Amino acid sequence: MLGELSIPNTVNTPSIRKTPNAQSIQTASGIQTASGIQAAPNTQIVQATPGVRNIRTPVRPSAVVRLTKLLGGGRGRRKAVVSAALAVGLFAGGAGAALAAGWHTIPRLKSSGALFSSGTYRFNPKGTEHGGFEFKGKLKDADSGDGHNVYVEVRVEGYDWNRFYGKQKKTVSLHKVVYDAAALYTSDATVRVCRDRGTLHPDNCATAPHYKR
C-alpha cells in the first residue's frame, strides 16, 4: 500500500499524497513517483502503461545519424584513395614525358660485311649540342676476311651524308652528334650502315627508318 513519499536531496519538492492510480518507479538514482517530477534534459517522455509517466530513457543517436556518419567516413577514405591514385598517375605521366624526351632505339642494322647494333638516338633541345641529332652504338666489321672497312652515315635535312668509319676486323663504339649549323635545332635525320667496297664497286648499305623530332 502506497503512502506519502519524499525524494531525498530535492529542494522544495511538494508532498505526494496517496492516489488510487499512483505508482512508484524504481530507477538507478532512487525512487521516483509517477506524477510531479520534471523530466531532466536528454529525457524522453514515453507513455507506457496507464497511470505511469516520466520514464527516464537515455537518448541514443538514431540509426540514420549513425549511417550518415559511417557513409561520411567511407567517402573520406574513398577521397583519400582517389587523391593518391591521381598523384601516382601524375607522377607516372611525368616519368613518361621524360622518357619520351630521352634516348630511343635504333633497330639493328646489318648489311653484307657490316653491322650496327645497340644503337640509340635522341634529338637535343635548342641550346644543347647545337640542337643536333645525337646517336651512339657499336659498329662491327662483320666479315673480317673480305679486306673492306665499314662505316655509319647520318644525314640531316639540307645536308649530305656524314660518314663515321669503323676498323677492319674489329668492333668500335660510336657516339656522335650531327646538326644543321644554320638552324637552332635539327628536325629530322636518317641513319645507315655500309661496307666500303672501294671506288670500283658500289657500297652495300642497310638504312634505318627516317627519324623526326
Protein backbone atom coordinates (compact mmCIF):
# COMPACT_ATOMS: atom_id res chain seq x y z
CA MET A 1 0.00 0.00 0.00
CA LEU A 2 1.48 3.32 -1.17
CA GLY A 3 1.75 6.16 1.27
CA GLU A 4 3.28 9.63 1.28
CA LEU A 5 6.91 9.77 -0.05
CA SER A 6 9.55 12.44 -0.43
CA ILE A 7 12.62 12.36 -2.73
CA PRO A 8 15.98 12.73 -0.91
CA ASN A 9 18.31 15.64 -1.82
CA THR A 10 15.47 17.55 -3.53
CA VAL A 11 14.74 21.14 -2.57
CA ASN A 12 11.15 22.30 -2.19
CA THR A 13 9.73 19.05 -3.52
CA PRO A 14 5.95 19.03 -2.89
CA SER A 15 4.47 16.23 -0.84
CA ILE A 16 2.82 13.44 -2.71
CA ARG A 17 -0.49 12.21 -1.49
CA LYS A 18 -1.89 8.83 -1.89
CA THR A 19 -3.95 8.45 -5.04
CA PRO A 20 -5.71 5.39 -6.37
CA ASN A 21 -3.62 5.16 -9.56
CA ALA A 22 -0.28 6.41 -8.22
CA GLN A 23 2.70 4.16 -8.80
CA SER A 24 6.35 4.46 -7.92
CA ILE A 25 9.19 3.58 -10.28
CA GLN A 26 12.49 2.21 -9.07
CA THR A 27 15.47 3.62 -11.08
CA ALA A 28 19.22 3.70 -10.64
CA SER A 29 19.02 7.08 -8.87
CA GLY A 30 16.33 6.15 -6.34
CA ILE A 31 12.55 6.09 -6.14
CA GLN A 32 10.56 8.44 -8.35
CA THR A 33 6.83 8.90 -8.39
CA ALA A 34 4.57 8.79 -11.34
CA SER A 35 3.48 12.44 -11.00
CA GLY A 36 5.07 15.73 -10.02
CA ILE A 37 8.59 15.03 -11.39
CA GLN A 38 10.08 17.21 -14.16
CA ALA A 39 11.93 15.24 -16.84
CA ALA A 40 15.63 16.10 -16.98
CA PRO A 41 17.41 17.13 -20.20
CA ASN A 42 18.03 14.28 -22.64
CA THR A 43 14.93 12.51 -21.25
CA GLN A 44 12.09 11.38 -23.44
CA ILE A 45 8.53 11.41 -22.15
CA VAL A 46 7.17 7.99 -23.01
CA GLN A 47 3.57 6.93 -22.43
CA ALA A 48 3.86 3.40 -21.18
CA THR A 49 1.15 1.57 -19.29
CA PRO A 50 -1.87 3.55 -17.89
CA GLY A 51 -1.03 5.64 -14.81
CA VAL A 52 2.78 5.65 -15.43
CA ARG A 53 4.63 8.74 -16.72
CA ASN A 54 8.08 10.33 -16.76
CA ILE A 55 10.10 7.21 -17.51
CA ARG A 56 13.68 8.24 -17.93
CA THR A 57 15.04 6.82 -21.17
CA PRO A 58 18.56 7.69 -22.39
CA VAL A 59 18.61 9.37 -25.80
CA ARG A 60 20.68 7.40 -28.32
CA PRO A 61 21.76 8.53 -31.78
CA SER A 62 19.25 7.40 -34.35
CA ALA A 63 20.14 4.76 -36.93
CA VAL A 64 20.00 7.44 -39.65
CA VAL A 65 22.62 9.57 -37.85
CA ARG A 66 24.91 6.57 -37.35
CA LEU A 67 24.53 5.55 -41.01
CA THR A 68 25.27 9.10 -42.17
CA LYS A 69 28.46 9.22 -40.12
CA LEU A 70 29.51 5.82 -41.46
CA LEU A 71 28.95 6.84 -45.06
CA GLY A 72 30.73 10.12 -44.49
CA GLY A 73 33.77 8.26 -43.22
CA GLY A 74 33.64 5.98 -46.24
CA ARG A 75 33.56 8.95 -48.58
CA GLY A 76 36.56 10.42 -46.80
CA ARG A 77 38.52 7.22 -47.26
CA ARG A 78 37.49 6.98 -50.90
CA LYS A 79 38.59 10.59 -51.48
CA ALA A 80 42.00 9.80 -49.96
CA VAL A 81 42.39 6.75 -52.21
CA VAL A 82 41.36 8.71 -55.31
CA SER A 83 43.80 11.52 -54.43
CA ALA A 84 46.63 9.03 -54.03
CA ALA A 85 45.75 7.41 -57.36
CA LEU A 86 45.75 10.80 -59.08
CA ALA A 87 49.15 11.62 -57.58
CA VAL A 88 50.57 8.29 -58.83
CA GLY A 89 49.04 8.91 -62.25
CA LEU A 90 50.57 12.39 -62.48
CA PHE A 91 53.96 11.06 -61.43
CA ALA A 92 53.79 8.26 -63.99
CA GLY A 93 52.79 10.75 -66.68
CA GLY A 94 55.78 12.96 -65.86
CA ALA A 95 58.13 10.00 -65.99
CA GLY A 96 56.68 9.01 -69.41
CA ALA A 97 57.26 12.51 -70.77
CA ALA A 98 60.87 12.45 -69.54
CA LEU A 99 61.40 9.10 -71.25
CA ALA A 100 59.90 10.40 -74.49
CA ALA A 101 62.41 13.29 -74.48
CA GLY A 102 65.34 10.91 -73.87
CA TRP A 103 67.02 8.15 -75.84
CA HIS A 104 65.20 5.99 -78.40
CA THR A 105 66.22 2.72 -80.01
CA ILE A 106 67.77 2.42 -83.46
CA PRO A 107 66.97 -1.03 -84.90
CA ARG A 108 69.84 -3.42 -85.57
CA LEU A 109 71.28 -2.56 -88.98
CA LYS A 110 73.02 -5.34 -90.93
CA SER A 111 74.39 -5.40 -94.43
CA SER A 112 76.88 -7.76 -96.08
CA GLY A 113 80.05 -7.41 -94.01
CA ALA A 114 78.73 -4.56 -91.78
CA LEU A 115 76.73 -4.50 -88.55
CA PHE A 116 75.50 -1.62 -86.37
CA SER A 117 73.95 -2.77 -83.07
CA SER A 118 72.88 -1.43 -79.65
CA GLY A 119 72.04 1.85 -81.39
CA THR A 120 70.15 4.69 -79.71
CA TYR A 121 69.41 8.29 -80.66
CA ARG A 122 67.88 11.50 -79.39
CA PHE A 123 67.12 14.99 -80.66
CA ASN A 124 68.75 17.53 -78.39
CA PRO A 125 66.79 20.62 -77.36
CA LYS A 126 67.67 24.07 -78.63
CA GLY A 127 70.87 25.29 -76.98
CA THR A 128 72.16 21.77 -76.21
CA GLU A 129 74.72 20.25 -78.61
CA HIS A 130 73.52 22.69 -81.28
CA GLY A 131 70.06 21.11 -81.04
CA GLY A 132 71.57 18.26 -83.04
CA PHE A 133 70.77 14.61 -83.72
CA GLU A 134 72.86 12.55 -81.29
CA PHE A 135 73.41 8.83 -81.75
CA LYS A 136 75.57 6.02 -80.35
CA GLY A 137 76.07 2.30 -80.88
CA LYS A 138 78.55 -0.43 -81.88
CA LEU A 139 79.91 -0.70 -85.43
CA LYS A 140 81.36 -4.10 -86.38
CA ASP A 141 83.28 -5.38 -89.36
CA ALA A 142 81.16 -8.50 -89.75
CA ASP A 143 83.35 -10.06 -92.47
CA SER A 144 86.95 -9.79 -91.36
CA GLY A 145 88.25 -11.70 -94.37
CA ASP A 146 86.86 -9.52 -97.17
CA GLY A 147 89.51 -6.81 -96.86
CA HIS A 148 86.98 -3.98 -96.59
CA ASN A 149 86.21 -1.47 -93.90
CA VAL A 150 82.74 -0.45 -92.63
CA TYR A 151 81.09 2.87 -91.72
CA VAL A 152 77.93 4.54 -90.41
CA GLU A 153 76.40 7.52 -92.18
CA VAL A 154 73.94 10.09 -90.85
CA ARG A 155 72.16 12.77 -92.85
CA VAL A 156 70.13 15.70 -91.50
CA GLU A 157 67.83 17.94 -93.55
CA GLY A 158 69.55 20.07 -96.14
CA TYR A 159 72.91 18.30 -95.89
CA ASP A 160 74.73 15.37 -97.44
CA TRP A 161 75.76 12.21 -95.57
CA ASN A 162 78.20 12.47 -92.64
CA ARG A 163 80.42 9.37 -92.57
CA PHE A 164 81.95 7.72 -89.46
CA TYR A 165 84.35 4.84 -90.10
CA GLY A 166 84.96 1.74 -88.04
CA LYS A 167 88.04 -0.51 -88.08
CA GLN A 168 88.70 -3.60 -90.11
CA LYS A 169 88.29 -6.89 -88.22
CA LYS A 170 87.13 -5.01 -85.09
CA THR A 171 84.10 -3.60 -83.30
CA VAL A 172 84.18 0.08 -82.30
CA SER A 173 81.86 2.25 -80.26
CA LEU A 174 80.50 5.39 -81.88
CA HIS A 175 78.96 8.40 -80.15
CA LYS A 176 78.39 11.38 -82.46
CA VAL A 177 76.24 14.48 -82.90
CA VAL A 178 75.12 15.68 -86.34
CA TYR A 179 73.42 19.08 -86.65
CA ASP A 180 72.35 21.80 -89.02
CA ALA A 181 74.65 24.76 -88.44
CA ALA A 182 72.12 27.17 -89.96
CA ALA A 183 69.24 26.10 -87.66
CA LEU A 184 68.57 26.31 -83.94
CA TYR A 185 67.81 22.60 -83.84
CA THR A 186 67.66 19.57 -86.15
CA SER A 187 64.21 18.29 -87.07
CA ASP A 188 64.88 15.03 -88.93
CA ALA A 189 67.67 12.55 -89.62
CA THR A 190 68.45 9.28 -91.40
CA VAL A 191 70.98 6.59 -90.37
CA ARG A 192 72.57 3.79 -92.39
CA VAL A 193 75.44 1.25 -92.07
CA CYS A 194 77.58 0.32 -95.07
CA ARG A 195 80.55 -1.76 -96.22
CA ASP A 196 83.17 0.27 -98.06
CA ARG A 197 83.99 -1.69 -101.23
CA GLY A 198 86.25 0.95 -102.76
CA THR A 199 85.82 3.04 -105.88
CA LEU A 200 85.29 0.21 -108.35
CA HIS A 201 82.26 -1.33 -106.66
CA PRO A 202 79.18 0.28 -105.07
CA ASP A 203 78.99 0.07 -101.31
CA ASN A 204 76.27 -2.11 -99.85
CA CYS A 205 74.18 -0.40 -97.11
CA ALA A 206 71.28 -1.02 -94.73
CA THR A 207 69.19 2.04 -93.89
CA ALA A 208 67.23 2.74 -90.72
CA PRO A 209 63.81 4.43 -90.75
CA HIS A 210 63.63 8.18 -91.17
CA TYR A 211 63.51 9.90 -87.79
CA LYS A 212 61.68 13.14 -86.94
CA ARG A 213 61.77 15.27 -83.83
